[in-house]
Amino acid sequence: MEAIILAGGFGTRLRPLTYTRAKSLLPICNTPMVSYLINMLPSDVTKVILAANYRKDQIENYFKENDSGKEIVGNGEPKPLGTGGAVKFAEKHITGTFLVLNSDIICSLNLDEMIRFHNKKNAFSTISLWPVKNVSEFGVVDIKKGGNVIGFVEKPKSEEAPSNLINAGAYVLEPEVFDYIDTGRLVSMEKEIFPRIIKDTGRFFGFRFDGFWIDVGRISSYIDVHKFLMRNEELDNLMGNNCKVNGELRNSCIGNNVNIGKNTRLESTIVFDNTTIGDNVVLTHCVVGENCNIENYSNIINTVVGDGETINEKTILENALVWTKTVPRGYPDKQIGNVLRE
């Protein structure tokens, strides 16, 4: 069995961290995000197709250096193709029923159970479903008893919503789905393909699961997923190898080779590898990239610091993005599309 991981997005809402790395390689609790997806795959999945465009070589190099226990195939798109186009571009690797996963979803979905549900229902397509409180922010599914999905309603009023369930970004698909997708153009599975399958086949199902579901698409959710996973492991903080901490950590995660000075406090903050933070510094709800230097007596709140940046002594920042270098060529100035909320 094969799985396609959609890892082609730029991650514009996570910039400047994604100026220098693929979004799927952003560390979560010091492990690349995409590794969580690999680890949740059933043992029956022997090949993983990484649908990537932006920083494809970076992703491939990671898996050359780190054995995942599965065959990893980089399937570089010639241009961004959207969720549907990326699936179509991977068609040559697919031999039967297959999985599609969004690379920026961290969740408790049991894929073995979802596949069994798909097979039991003789489904053409099955999507994972997650309950939400505020349906007006999402597209929700219209679903019958037994799991048959008959439509989607975009951002309904709460009193008009057919359910409280949204597309959670994991799919079990039959190979006949390729017949619905045009070649070589930007295609949305969610907006273009799924409605046609529902209409034509009547075999489009939804699989609800419980536990947790986090869309790691924004800096706030990126910090939140760290806090959630650490709490799940009953950890107050998480620290990588070869770190020197003379200050205080609160609900924070630091990578390898991180030095933190005296009387410095980190609150709900993520720090990447090889970074130095001076004395008497306060970081609150921040993310600091690799190879950074934050000098003494700085106070920084709700800020993202890109790789290789220096914050001078006594700097005060709030709600900032720190990036002093050139933006990578071809990097968009706005979000191209969100596969879950188009």
C-alpha atoms as a PDB file:
ATOM      1  CA  MET A   1       0.000   0.000   0.000  1.00  0.00           C
ATOM      2  CA  GLU A   2       1.129   3.542  -0.726  1.00  0.00           C
ATOM      3  CA  ALA A   3       0.614   6.862   1.028  1.00  0.00           C
ATOM      4  CA  ILE A   4       0.910  10.322  -0.498  1.00  0.00           C
ATOM      5  CA  ILE A   5       1.976  13.067   1.898  1.00  0.00           C
ATOM      6  CA  LEU A   6       1.102  16.531   0.637  1.00  0.00           C
ATOM      7  CA  ALA A   7       4.203  18.520   1.520  1.00  0.00           C
ATOM      8  CA  GLY A   8       4.304  21.102  -1.252  1.00  0.00           C
ATOM      9  CA  GLY A   9       3.066  24.222   0.508  1.00  0.00           C
ATOM     10  CA  PHE A  10       5.224  27.237   1.267  1.00  0.00           C
ATOM     11  CA  GLY A  11       3.904  27.674   4.806  1.00  0.00           C
ATOM     12  CA  THR A  12       3.544  31.442   4.388  1.00  0.00           C
ATOM     13  CA  ARG A  13       1.759  31.845   7.728  1.00  0.00           C
ATOM     14  CA  LEU A  14       4.829  30.321   9.408  1.00  0.00           C
ATOM     15  CA  ARG A  15       7.330  32.703   7.839  1.00  0.00           C
ATOM     16  CA  PRO A  16      10.156  33.599   8.346  1.00  0.00           C
ATOM     17  CA  LEU A  17      10.811  30.046   9.622  1.00  0.00           C
ATOM     18  CA  THR A  18       9.784  28.708   6.214  1.00  0.00           C
ATOM     19  CA  TYR A  19      12.046  31.060   4.302  1.00  0.00           C
ATOM     20  CA  THR A  20      14.872  28.641   5.033  1.00  0.00           C
ATOM     21  CA  ARG A  21      13.157  25.248   5.379  1.00  0.00           C
ATOM     22  CA  ALA A  22      10.265  23.206   4.084  1.00  0.00           C
ATOM     23  CA  LYS A  23       7.212  23.519   6.306  1.00  0.00           C
ATOM     24  CA  SER A  24       7.086  19.738   6.731  1.00  0.00           C
ATOM     25  CA  LEU A  25      10.596  19.827   8.260  1.00  0.00           C
ATOM     26  CA  LEU A  26       9.717  22.329  10.969  1.00  0.00           C
ATOM     27  CA  PRO A  27      10.628  20.669  14.267  1.00  0.00           C
ATOM     28  CA  ILE A  28       7.866  19.737  16.668  1.00  0.00           C
ATOM     29  CA  CYS A  29       9.311  18.722  20.014  1.00  0.00           C
ATOM     30  CA  ASN A  30      12.670  18.487  18.214  1.00  0.00           C
ATOM     31  CA  THR A  31      11.366  16.047  15.585  1.00  0.00           C
ATOM     32  CA  PRO A  32      10.481  17.118  12.003  1.00  0.00           C
ATOM     33  CA  MET A  33       6.754  17.494  11.515  1.00  0.00           C
ATOM     34  CA  VAL A  34       6.633  15.028   8.619  1.00  0.00           C
ATOM     35  CA  SER A  35       8.056  12.287  10.846  1.00  0.00           C
ATOM     36  CA  TYR A  36       4.859  12.296  12.890  1.00  0.00           C
ATOM     37  CA  LEU A  37       2.944  11.455   9.717  1.00  0.00           C
ATOM     38  CA  ILE A  38       5.369   8.690   8.773  1.00  0.00           C
ATOM     39  CA  ASN A  39       5.126   7.173  12.244  1.00  0.00           C
ATOM     40  CA  MET A  40       1.321   7.024  12.200  1.00  0.00           C
ATOM     41  CA  LEU A  41       1.188   5.074   8.919  1.00  0.00           C
ATOM     42  CA  PRO A  42       0.030   1.445   9.063  1.00  0.00           C
ATOM     43  CA  SER A  43       2.618  -1.284   8.611  1.00  0.00           C
ATOM     44  CA  ASP A  44       0.904  -2.197   5.322  1.00  0.00           C
ATOM     45  CA  VAL A  45       2.147   1.088   3.855  1.00  0.00           C
ATOM     46  CA  THR A  46       5.545   0.306   2.397  1.00  0.00           C
ATOM     47  CA  LYS A  47       5.998   3.309   0.092  1.00  0.00           C
ATOM     48  CA  VAL A  48       5.530   6.986   0.891  1.00  0.00           C
ATOM     49  CA  ILE A  49       5.294   9.525  -1.909  1.00  0.00           C
ATOM     50  CA  LEU A  50       6.236  13.014  -0.804  1.00  0.00           C
ATOM     51  CA  ALA A  51       4.382  15.469  -3.012  1.00  0.00           C
ATOM     52  CA  ALA A  52       6.669  18.473  -2.801  1.00  0.00           C
ATOM     53  CA  ASN A  53       7.624  21.546  -4.760  1.00  0.00           C
ATOM     54  CA  TYR A  54       9.144  24.133  -2.453  1.00  0.00           C
ATOM     55  CA  ARG A  55      12.484  22.954  -1.002  1.00  0.00           C
ATOM     56  CA  LYS A  56      11.991  19.438  -2.337  1.00  0.00           C
ATOM     57  CA  ASP A  57      15.740  18.699  -2.190  1.00  0.00           C
ATOM     58  CA  GLN A  58      15.813  19.589   1.490  1.00  0.00           C
ATOM     59  CA  ILE A  59      13.075  17.075   2.241  1.00  0.00           C
ATOM     60  CA  GLU A  60      14.729  14.351   0.173  1.00  0.00           C
ATOM     61  CA  ASN A  61      18.077  14.923   1.870  1.00  0.00           C
ATOM     62  CA  TYR A  62      16.488  14.553   5.271  1.00  0.00           C
ATOM     63  CA  PHE A  63      15.171  11.099   4.413  1.00  0.00           C
ATOM     64  CA  LYS A  64      18.473  10.076   2.834  1.00  0.00           C
ATOM     65  CA  GLU A  65      20.114  10.772   6.170  1.00  0.00           C
ATOM     66  CA  ASN A  66      17.310   9.417   8.386  1.00  0.00           C
ATOM     67  CA  ASP A  67      15.831   5.957   7.889  1.00  0.00           C
ATOM     68  CA  SER A  68      12.040   5.986   8.247  1.00  0.00           C
ATOM     69  CA  GLY A  69      11.591   2.227   7.801  1.00  0.00           C
ATOM     70  CA  LYS A  70       9.676   2.798   4.564  1.00  0.00           C
ATOM     71  CA  GLU A  71      10.558   3.531   0.960  1.00  0.00           C
ATOM     72  CA  ILE A  72      10.452   7.307   0.530  1.00  0.00           C
ATOM     73  CA  VAL A  73       9.931   8.709  -2.955  1.00  0.00           C
ATOM     74  CA  GLY A  74      10.321  12.419  -3.606  1.00  0.00           C
ATOM     75  CA  ASN A  75       7.790  13.382  -6.246  1.00  0.00           C
ATOM     76  CA  GLY A  76       8.768  16.933  -7.134  1.00  0.00           C
ATOM     77  CA  GLU A  77       6.014  18.872  -8.833  1.00  0.00           C
ATOM     78  CA  PRO A  78       7.084  21.123 -11.732  1.00  0.00           C
ATOM     79  CA  LYS A  79       4.846  23.824 -10.236  1.00  0.00           C
ATOM     80  CA  PRO A  80       2.322  24.035  -7.368  1.00  0.00           C
ATOM     81  CA  LEU A  81      -0.573  21.772  -8.348  1.00  0.00           C
ATOM     82  CA  GLY A  82      -2.897  21.969  -5.360  1.00  0.00           C
ATOM     83  CA  THR A  83      -4.106  18.942  -3.454  1.00  0.00           C
ATOM     84  CA  GLY A  84      -5.761  17.291  -6.453  1.00  0.00           C
ATOM     85  CA  GLY A  85      -2.966  18.023  -8.898  1.00  0.00           C
ATOM     86  CA  ALA A  86      -0.393  16.669  -6.462  1.00  0.00           C
ATOM     87  CA  VAL A  87      -2.369  13.431  -6.079  1.00  0.00           C
ATOM     88  CA  LYS A  88      -2.667  13.085  -9.869  1.00  0.00           C
ATOM     89  CA  PHE A  89       1.062  13.702 -10.315  1.00  0.00           C
ATOM     90  CA  ALA A  90       1.763  10.740  -8.003  1.00  0.00           C
ATOM     91  CA  GLU A  91      -0.468   8.350  -9.978  1.00  0.00           C
ATOM     92  CA  LYS A  92       2.445   6.391 -11.457  1.00  0.00           C
ATOM     93  CA  HIS A  93       3.433   5.227  -7.955  1.00  0.00           C
ATOM     94  CA  ILE A  94      -0.009   3.943  -6.919  1.00  0.00           C
ATOM     95  CA  THR A  95      -0.912   0.253  -7.194  1.00  0.00           C
ATOM     96  CA  GLY A  96      -4.288   0.086  -5.402  1.00  0.00           C
ATOM     97  CA  THR A  97      -6.182   1.642  -2.512  1.00  0.00           C
ATOM     98  CA  PHE A  98      -4.009   4.448  -1.139  1.00  0.00           C
ATOM     99  CA  LEU A  99      -3.788   7.116   1.547  1.00  0.00           C
ATOM    100  CA  VAL A 100      -3.424  10.877   1.234  1.00  0.00           C
ATOM    101  CA  LEU A 101      -2.295  12.921   4.238  1.00  0.00           C
ATOM    102  CA  ASN A 102      -1.747  16.624   4.735  1.00  0.00           C
ATOM    103  CA  SER A 103       1.724  17.125   6.168  1.00  0.00           C
ATOM    104  CA  ASP A 104       0.762  19.840   8.656  1.00  0.00           C
ATOM    105  CA  ILE A 105      -1.851  17.931  10.654  1.00  0.00           C
ATOM    106  CA  ILE A 106      -0.859  16.398  13.994  1.00  0.00           C
ATOM    107  CA  CYS A 107      -3.625  14.160  15.297  1.00  0.00           C
ATOM    108  CA  SER A 108      -4.652  10.914  16.995  1.00  0.00           C
ATOM    109  CA  LEU A 109      -6.280   9.354  13.923  1.00  0.00           C
ATOM    110  CA  ASN A 110      -5.944   5.558  13.742  1.00  0.00           C
ATOM    111  CA  LEU A 111      -5.378   4.906  10.047  1.00  0.00           C
ATOM    112  CA  ASP A 112      -5.766   1.130  10.389  1.00  0.00           C
ATOM    113  CA  GLU A 113      -9.291   1.645  11.716  1.00  0.00           C
ATOM    114  CA  MET A 114     -10.056   4.150   8.981  1.00  0.00           C
ATOM    115  CA  ILE A 115      -8.955   1.718   6.275  1.00  0.00           C
ATOM    116  CA  ARG A 116     -11.074  -1.061   7.775  1.00  0.00           C
ATOM    117  CA  PHE A 117     -14.068   1.312   7.801  1.00  0.00           C
ATOM    118  CA  HIS A 118     -13.380   2.210   4.148  1.00  0.00           C
ATOM    119  CA  ASN A 119     -13.267  -1.437   3.100  1.00  0.00           C
ATOM    120  CA  LYS A 120     -16.353  -2.402   5.122  1.00  0.00           C
ATOM    121  CA  LYS A 121     -18.369   0.366   3.437  1.00  0.00           C
ATOM    122  CA  ASN A 122     -17.022  -0.525  -0.020  1.00  0.00           C
ATOM    123  CA  ALA A 123     -16.220   3.172  -0.277  1.00  0.00           C
ATOM    124  CA  PHE A 124     -14.869   5.000  -3.278  1.00  0.00           C
ATOM    125  CA  SER A 125     -13.432   7.674  -1.006  1.00  0.00           C
ATOM    126  CA  THR A 126     -13.265   8.081   2.764  1.00  0.00           C
ATOM    127  CA  ILE A 127     -12.212  11.248   4.545  1.00  0.00           C
ATOM    128  CA  SER A 128     -11.339  11.725   8.196  1.00  0.00           C
ATOM    129  CA  LEU A 129     -13.717  13.933  10.194  1.00  0.00           C
ATOM    130  CA  TRP A 130     -13.139  16.046  13.277  1.00  0.00           C
ATOM    131  CA  PRO A 131     -15.775  17.792  15.439  1.00  0.00           C
ATOM    132  CA  VAL A 132     -15.444  21.550  15.971  1.00  0.00           C
ATOM    133  CA  LYS A 133     -17.250  24.006  18.227  1.00  0.00           C
ATOM    134  CA  ASN A 134     -17.453  26.960  15.846  1.00  0.00           C
ATOM    135  CA  VAL A 135     -18.784  25.585  12.563  1.00  0.00           C
ATOM    136  CA  SER A 136     -18.998  29.074  11.026  1.00  0.00           C
ATOM    137  CA  GLU A 137     -15.216  29.089  10.553  1.00  0.00           C
ATOM    138  CA  PHE A 138     -15.114  25.902   8.458  1.00  0.00           C
ATOM    139  CA  GLY A 139     -16.644  23.902   5.692  1.00  0.00           C
ATOM    140  CA  VAL A 140     -18.696  21.184   7.406  1.00  0.00           C
ATOM    141  CA  VAL A 141     -19.972  17.883   6.069  1.00  0.00           C
ATOM    142  CA  ASP A 142     -23.568  16.884   5.485  1.00  0.00           C
ATOM    143  CA  ILE A 143     -23.493  13.279   6.611  1.00  0.00           C
ATOM    144  CA  LYS A 144     -26.064  10.503   6.970  1.00  0.00           C
ATOM    145  CA  LYS A 145     -26.241   7.874   9.660  1.00  0.00           C
ATOM    146  CA  GLY A 146     -23.665   5.236   8.815  1.00  0.00           C
ATOM    147  CA  GLY A 147     -21.122   7.747   7.555  1.00  0.00           C
ATOM    148  CA  ASN A 148     -22.280   8.480   3.996  1.00  0.00           C
ATOM    149  CA  VAL A 149     -21.312  12.055   3.103  1.00  0.00           C
ATOM    150  CA  ILE A 150     -23.778  13.767   0.774  1.00  0.00           C
ATOM    151  CA  GLY A 151     -22.250  17.240   0.632  1.00  0.00           C
ATOM    152  CA  PHE A 152     -20.270  20.081   2.137  1.00  0.00           C
ATOM    153  CA  VAL A 153     -21.566  23.374   3.501  1.00  0.00           C
ATOM    154  CA  GLU A 154     -19.089  26.231   3.651  1.00  0.00           C
ATOM    155  CA  LYS A 155     -19.041  28.278   6.876  1.00  0.00           C
ATOM    156  CA  PRO A 156     -22.705  27.839   7.829  1.00  0.00           C
ATOM    157  CA  LYS A 157     -24.465  29.615  10.662  1.00  0.00           C
ATOM    158  CA  SER A 158     -24.452  27.350  13.694  1.00  0.00           C
ATOM    159  CA  GLU A 159     -28.221  26.891  13.585  1.00  0.00           C
ATOM    160  CA  GLU A 160     -28.071  25.920   9.885  1.00  0.00           C
ATOM    161  CA  ALA A 161     -25.075  23.564   9.995  1.00  0.00           C
ATOM    162  CA  PRO A 162     -25.873  19.957   8.985  1.00  0.00           C
ATOM    163  CA  SER A 163     -23.217  18.690  11.433  1.00  0.00           C
ATOM    164  CA  ASN A 164     -20.260  19.843  13.508  1.00  0.00           C
ATOM    165  CA  LEU A 165     -17.773  17.734  11.531  1.00  0.00           C
ATOM    166  CA  ILE A 166     -15.035  19.059   9.261  1.00  0.00           C
ATOM    167  CA  ASN A 167     -12.590  17.499   6.824  1.00  0.00           C
ATOM    168  CA  ALA A 168      -9.583  16.541   8.972  1.00  0.00           C
ATOM    169  CA  GLY A 169      -7.094  16.158   6.138  1.00  0.00           C
ATOM    170  CA  ALA A 170      -6.591  12.385   5.756  1.00  0.00           C
ATOM    171  CA  TYR A 171      -8.125  10.352   2.916  1.00  0.00           C
ATOM    172  CA  VAL A 172      -8.436   6.723   1.858  1.00  0.00           C
ATOM    173  CA  LEU A 173      -8.972   6.631  -1.904  1.00  0.00           C
ATOM    174  CA  GLU A 174      -9.525   4.084  -4.620  1.00  0.00           C
ATOM    175  CA  PRO A 175      -7.291   4.479  -7.695  1.00  0.00           C
ATOM    176  CA  GLU A 176     -10.337   5.266  -9.873  1.00  0.00           C
ATOM    177  CA  VAL A 177     -10.220   8.728  -8.300  1.00  0.00           C
ATOM    178  CA  PHE A 178      -7.468   9.593 -10.789  1.00  0.00           C
ATOM    179  CA  ASP A 179     -10.085   9.558 -13.562  1.00  0.00           C
ATOM    180  CA  TYR A 180     -11.620  12.653 -11.987  1.00  0.00           C
ATOM    181  CA  ILE A 181      -8.445  14.765 -11.905  1.00  0.00           C
ATOM    182  CA  ASP A 182      -7.053  16.733 -14.834  1.00  0.00           C
ATOM    183  CA  THR A 183      -3.326  16.512 -15.509  1.00  0.00           C
ATOM    184  CA  GLY A 184      -0.924  19.406 -15.140  1.00  0.00           C
ATOM    185  CA  ARG A 185      -3.100  22.072 -13.559  1.00  0.00           C
ATOM    186  CA  LEU A 186      -3.898  23.389 -10.102  1.00  0.00           C
ATOM    187  CA  VAL A 187      -6.750  21.239  -8.760  1.00  0.00           C
ATOM    188  CA  SER A 188      -8.417  21.204  -5.349  1.00  0.00           C
ATOM    189  CA  MET A 189      -9.513  17.766  -4.165  1.00  0.00           C
ATOM    190  CA  GLU A 190     -11.774  19.333  -1.607  1.00  0.00           C
ATOM    191  CA  LYS A 191     -13.438  21.938  -3.815  1.00  0.00           C
ATOM    192  CA  GLU A 192     -13.514  20.282  -7.237  1.00  0.00           C
ATOM    193  CA  ILE A 193     -13.078  16.513  -6.986  1.00  0.00           C
ATOM    194  CA  PHE A 194     -14.905  15.432  -3.838  1.00  0.00           C
ATOM    195  CA  PRO A 195     -18.270  17.003  -4.830  1.00  0.00           C
ATOM    196  CA  ARG A 196     -18.163  15.160  -8.167  1.00  0.00           C
ATOM    197  CA  ILE A 197     -17.382  11.836  -6.499  1.00  0.00           C
ATOM    198  CA  ILE A 198     -20.275  12.341  -4.092  1.00  0.00           C
ATOM    199  CA  LYS A 199     -22.649  13.071  -6.973  1.00  0.00           C
ATOM    200  CA  ASP A 200     -21.452  10.275  -9.260  1.00  0.00           C
ATOM    201  CA  THR A 201     -20.847   7.374  -6.884  1.00  0.00           C
ATOM    202  CA  GLY A 202     -22.806   7.792  -3.664  1.00  0.00           C
ATOM    203  CA  ARG A 203     -19.858   5.978  -2.048  1.00  0.00           C
ATOM    204  CA  PHE A 204     -18.180   8.890  -0.321  1.00  0.00           C
ATOM    205  CA  PHE A 205     -17.835   8.276   3.426  1.00  0.00           C
ATOM    206  CA  GLY A 206     -16.620  10.106   6.497  1.00  0.00           C
ATOM    207  CA  PHE A 207     -14.719   8.523   9.378  1.00  0.00           C
ATOM    208  CA  ARG A 208     -14.958  10.388  12.667  1.00  0.00           C
ATOM    209  CA  PHE A 209     -12.238   9.969  15.272  1.00  0.00           C
ATOM    210  CA  ASP A 210     -11.626  11.222  18.783  1.00  0.00           C
ATOM    211  CA  GLY A 211      -8.570  12.341  20.711  1.00  0.00           C
ATOM    212  CA  PHE A 212      -6.801  15.380  19.301  1.00  0.00           C
ATOM    213  CA  TRP A 213      -6.408  17.238  16.002  1.00  0.00           C
ATOM    214  CA  ILE A 214      -4.163  20.253  15.430  1.00  0.00           C
ATOM    215  CA  ASP A 215      -3.713  22.094  12.140  1.00  0.00           C
ATOM    216  CA  VAL A 216      -0.151  23.391  12.443  1.00  0.00           C
ATOM    217  CA  GLY A 217      -0.634  26.221   9.992  1.00  0.00           C
ATOM    218  CA  ARG A 218      -0.025  29.278  12.148  1.00  0.00           C
ATOM    219  CA  ILE A 219       2.599  30.327  14.676  1.00  0.00           C
ATOM    220  CA  SER A 220       0.022  30.179  17.477  1.00  0.00           C
ATOM    221  CA  SER A 221      -0.917  26.577  16.640  1.00  0.00           C
ATOM    222  CA  TYR A 222       2.758  25.707  16.149  1.00  0.00           C
ATOM    223  CA  ILE A 223       3.434  26.762  19.749  1.00  0.00           C
ATOM    224  CA  ASP A 224       0.213  25.130  20.943  1.00  0.00           C
ATOM    225  CA  VAL A 225       1.097  21.731  19.469  1.00  0.00           C
ATOM    226  CA  HIS A 226       4.355  21.739  21.429  1.00  0.00           C
ATOM    227  CA  LYS A 227       2.547  22.527  24.658  1.00  0.00           C
ATOM    228  CA  PHE A 228      -0.094  19.891  23.971  1.00  0.00           C
ATOM    229  CA  LEU A 229       2.383  17.112  23.191  1.00  0.00           C
ATOM    230  CA  MET A 230       4.563  17.973  26.159  1.00  0.00           C
ATOM    231  CA  ARG A 231       1.524  17.945  28.416  1.00  0.00           C
ATOM    232  CA  ASN A 232       0.552  14.551  26.994  1.00  0.00           C
ATOM    233  CA  GLU A 233       3.968  13.260  28.011  1.00  0.00           C
ATOM    234  CA  GLU A 234       3.682  14.995  31.395  1.00  0.00           C
ATOM    235  CA  LEU A 235       6.637  17.231  30.581  1.00  0.00           C
ATOM    236  CA  ASP A 236       6.911  20.822  31.797  1.00  0.00           C
ATOM    237  CA  ASN A 237       9.613  21.520  29.228  1.00  0.00           C
ATOM    238  CA  LEU A 238      11.659  19.718  26.588  1.00  0.00           C
ATOM    239  CA  MET A 239      15.364  20.114  26.011  1.00  0.00           C
ATOM    240  CA  GLY A 240      17.640  18.789  23.268  1.00  0.00           C
ATOM    241  CA  ASN A 241      21.218  17.575  23.577  1.00  0.00           C
ATOM    242  CA  ASN A 242      24.208  19.593  24.777  1.00  0.00           C
ATOM    243  CA  CYS A 243      22.227  22.500  26.198  1.00  0.00           C
ATOM    244  CA  LYS A 244      23.289  24.910  28.936  1.00  0.00           C
ATOM    245  CA  VAL A 245      20.415  26.528  30.789  1.00  0.00           C
ATOM    246  CA  ASN A 246      21.092  29.034  33.551  1.00  0.00           C
ATOM    247  CA  GLY A 247      17.665  30.616  33.313  1.00  0.00           C
ATOM    248  CA  GLU A 248      14.101  29.365  33.655  1.00  0.00           C
ATOM    249  CA  LEU A 249      11.909  27.472  31.182  1.00  0.00           C
ATOM    250  CA  ARG A 250       8.122  27.422  31.414  1.00  0.00           C
ATOM    251  CA  ASN A 251       6.138  25.321  28.918  1.00  0.00           C
ATOM    252  CA  SER A 252       8.980  25.696  26.451  1.00  0.00           C
ATOM    253  CA  CYS A 253      11.001  23.522  24.086  1.00  0.00           C
ATOM    254  CA  ILE A 254      14.620  24.071  23.087  1.00  0.00           C
ATOM    255  CA  GLY A 255      16.662  22.209  20.504  1.00  0.00           C
ATOM    256  CA  ASN A 256      20.243  20.984  20.513  1.00  0.00           C
ATOM    257  CA  ASN A 257      23.232  23.131  21.496  1.00  0.00           C
ATOM    258  CA  VAL A 258      21.155  25.922  22.994  1.00  0.00           C
ATOM    259  CA  ASN A 259      22.672  28.222  25.621  1.00  0.00           C
ATOM    260  CA  ILE A 260      20.443  30.275  27.915  1.00  0.00           C
ATOM    261  CA  GLY A 261      21.944  32.894  30.196  1.00  0.00           C
ATOM    262  CA  LYS A 262      21.419  33.895  33.809  1.00  0.00           C
ATOM    263  CA  ASN A 263      18.113  35.390  34.964  1.00  0.00           C
ATOM    264  CA  THR A 264      16.571  34.648  31.574  1.00  0.00           C
ATOM    265  CA  ARG A 265      13.012  33.351  31.329  1.00  0.00           C
ATOM    266  CA  LEU A 266      11.295  31.547  28.454  1.00  0.00           C
ATOM    267  CA  GLU A 267       7.512  31.268  28.601  1.00  0.00           C
ATOM    268  CA  SER A 268       5.679  29.158  25.966  1.00  0.00           C
ATOM    269  CA  THR A 269       8.620  29.591  23.623  1.00  0.00           C
ATOM    270  CA  ILE A 270      10.265  27.342  21.027  1.00  0.00           C
ATOM    271  CA  VAL A 271      13.992  27.650  20.306  1.00  0.00           C
ATOM    272  CA  PHE A 272      15.712  25.828  17.436  1.00  0.00           C
ATOM    273  CA  ASP A 273      19.230  24.361  17.405  1.00  0.00           C
ATOM    274  CA  ASN A 274      22.504  26.231  17.920  1.00  0.00           C
ATOM    275  CA  THR A 275      21.014  29.387  19.381  1.00  0.00           C
ATOM    276  CA  THR A 276      22.363  31.542  22.202  1.00  0.00           C
ATOM    277  CA  ILE A 277      20.169  33.638  24.484  1.00  0.00           C
ATOM    278  CA  GLY A 278      21.933  36.063  26.806  1.00  0.00           C
ATOM    279  CA  ASP A 279      21.398  37.155  30.379  1.00  0.00           C
ATOM    280  CA  ASN A 280      18.267  38.875  31.705  1.00  0.00           C
ATOM    281  CA  VAL A 281      16.219  38.107  28.602  1.00  0.00           C
ATOM    282  CA  VAL A 282      12.465  37.478  28.620  1.00  0.00           C
ATOM    283  CA  LEU A 283      10.882  35.572  25.727  1.00  0.00           C
ATOM    284  CA  THR A 284       7.120  35.124  25.875  1.00  0.00           C
ATOM    285  CA  HIS A 285       5.179  33.154  23.258  1.00  0.00           C
ATOM    286  CA  CYS A 286       8.017  33.295  20.737  1.00  0.00           C
ATOM    287  CA  VAL A 287       9.709  31.056  18.195  1.00  0.00           C
ATOM    288  CA  VAL A 288      13.440  31.528  17.623  1.00  0.00           C
ATOM    289  CA  GLY A 289      15.157  29.905  14.625  1.00  0.00           C
ATOM    290  CA  GLU A 290      18.514  28.177  14.261  1.00  0.00           C
ATOM    291  CA  ASN A 291      21.866  29.887  14.794  1.00  0.00           C
ATOM    292  CA  CYS A 292      20.384  32.971  16.397  1.00  0.00           C
ATOM    293  CA  ASN A 293      21.839  35.242  19.049  1.00  0.00           C
ATOM    294  CA  ILE A 294      19.598  37.174  21.413  1.00  0.00           C
ATOM    295  CA  GLU A 295      21.648  39.569  23.473  1.00  0.00           C
ATOM    296  CA  ASN A 296      21.277  40.627  27.100  1.00  0.00           C
ATOM    297  CA  TYR A 297      18.328  42.500  28.598  1.00  0.00           C
ATOM    298  CA  SER A 298      15.982  41.969  25.643  1.00  0.00           C
ATOM    299  CA  ASN A 299      12.240  41.583  26.145  1.00  0.00           C
ATOM    300  CA  ILE A 300      10.415  39.895  23.289  1.00  0.00           C
ATOM    301  CA  ILE A 301       6.714  38.992  23.097  1.00  0.00           C
ATOM    302  CA  ASN A 302       4.670  37.154  20.412  1.00  0.00           C
ATOM    303  CA  THR A 303       7.544  37.298  17.954  1.00  0.00           C
ATOM    304  CA  VAL A 304       9.114  34.957  15.401  1.00  0.00           C
ATOM    305  CA  VAL A 305      12.853  35.240  14.778  1.00  0.00           C
ATOM    306  CA  GLY A 306      14.157  33.720  11.548  1.00  0.00           C
ATOM    307  CA  ASP A 307      17.283  31.595  11.230  1.00  0.00           C
ATOM    308  CA  GLY A 308      20.633  33.292  11.701  1.00  0.00           C
ATOM    309  CA  GLU A 309      19.306  36.538  13.157  1.00  0.00           C
ATOM    310  CA  THR A 310      20.854  38.627  15.943  1.00  0.00           C
ATOM    311  CA  ILE A 311      18.736  40.607  18.381  1.00  0.00           C
ATOM    312  CA  ASN A 312      20.798  43.403  19.846  1.00  0.00           C
ATOM    313  CA  GLU A 313      21.089  44.123  23.548  1.00  0.00           C
ATOM    314  CA  LYS A 314      18.102  45.782  25.278  1.00  0.00           C
ATOM    315  CA  THR A 315      15.780  45.209  22.327  1.00  0.00           C
ATOM    316  CA  ILE A 316      12.045  45.320  23.005  1.00  0.00           C
ATOM    317  CA  LEU A 317       9.792  43.625  20.450  1.00  0.00           C
ATOM    318  CA  GLU A 318       6.137  42.650  20.374  1.00  0.00           C
ATOM    319  CA  ASN A 319       4.086  41.027  17.589  1.00  0.00           C
ATOM    320  CA  ALA A 320       7.053  41.088  15.189  1.00  0.00           C
ATOM    321  CA  LEU A 321       8.578  38.954  12.443  1.00  0.00           C
ATOM    322  CA  VAL A 322      12.362  39.303  12.468  1.00  0.00           C
ATOM    323  CA  TRP A 323      14.001  38.737   9.104  1.00  0.00           C
ATOM    324  CA  THR A 324      16.765  41.056   7.870  1.00  0.00           C
ATOM    325  CA  LYS A 325      17.869  39.086   4.819  1.00  0.00           C
ATOM    326  CA  THR A 326      16.422  38.704   1.331  1.00  0.00           C
ATOM    327  CA  VAL A 327      13.192  36.749   0.978  1.00  0.00           C
ATOM    328  CA  PRO A 328      13.829  33.605  -1.120  1.00  0.00           C
ATOM    329  CA  ARG A 329      13.119  34.044  -4.805  1.00  0.00           C
ATOM    330  CA  GLY A 330       9.682  32.736  -5.755  1.00  0.00           C
ATOM    331  CA  TYR A 331       8.369  32.757  -2.200  1.00  0.00           C
ATOM    332  CA  PRO A 332       4.812  34.143  -2.360  1.00  0.00           C
ATOM    333  CA  ASP A 333       3.813  37.260  -0.461  1.00  0.00           C
ATOM    334  CA  LYS A 334       0.518  35.708   0.584  1.00  0.00           C
ATOM    335  CA  GLN A 335      -1.024  32.306   1.224  1.00  0.00           C
ATOM    336  CA  ILE A 336      -1.671  30.337  -1.973  1.00  0.00           C
ATOM    337  CA  GLY A 337      -4.368  28.167  -0.474  1.00  0.00           C
ATOM    338  CA  ASN A 338      -5.389  26.128   2.532  1.00  0.00           C
ATOM    339  CA  VAL A 339      -6.295  22.575   1.642  1.00  0.00           C
ATOM    340  CA  LEU A 340      -8.742  22.267   4.511  1.00  0.00           C
ATOM    341  CA  ARG A 341     -10.570  25.545   4.211  1.00  0.00           C
ATOM    342  CA  GLU A 342     -10.739  26.412   0.551  1.00  0.00           C
END
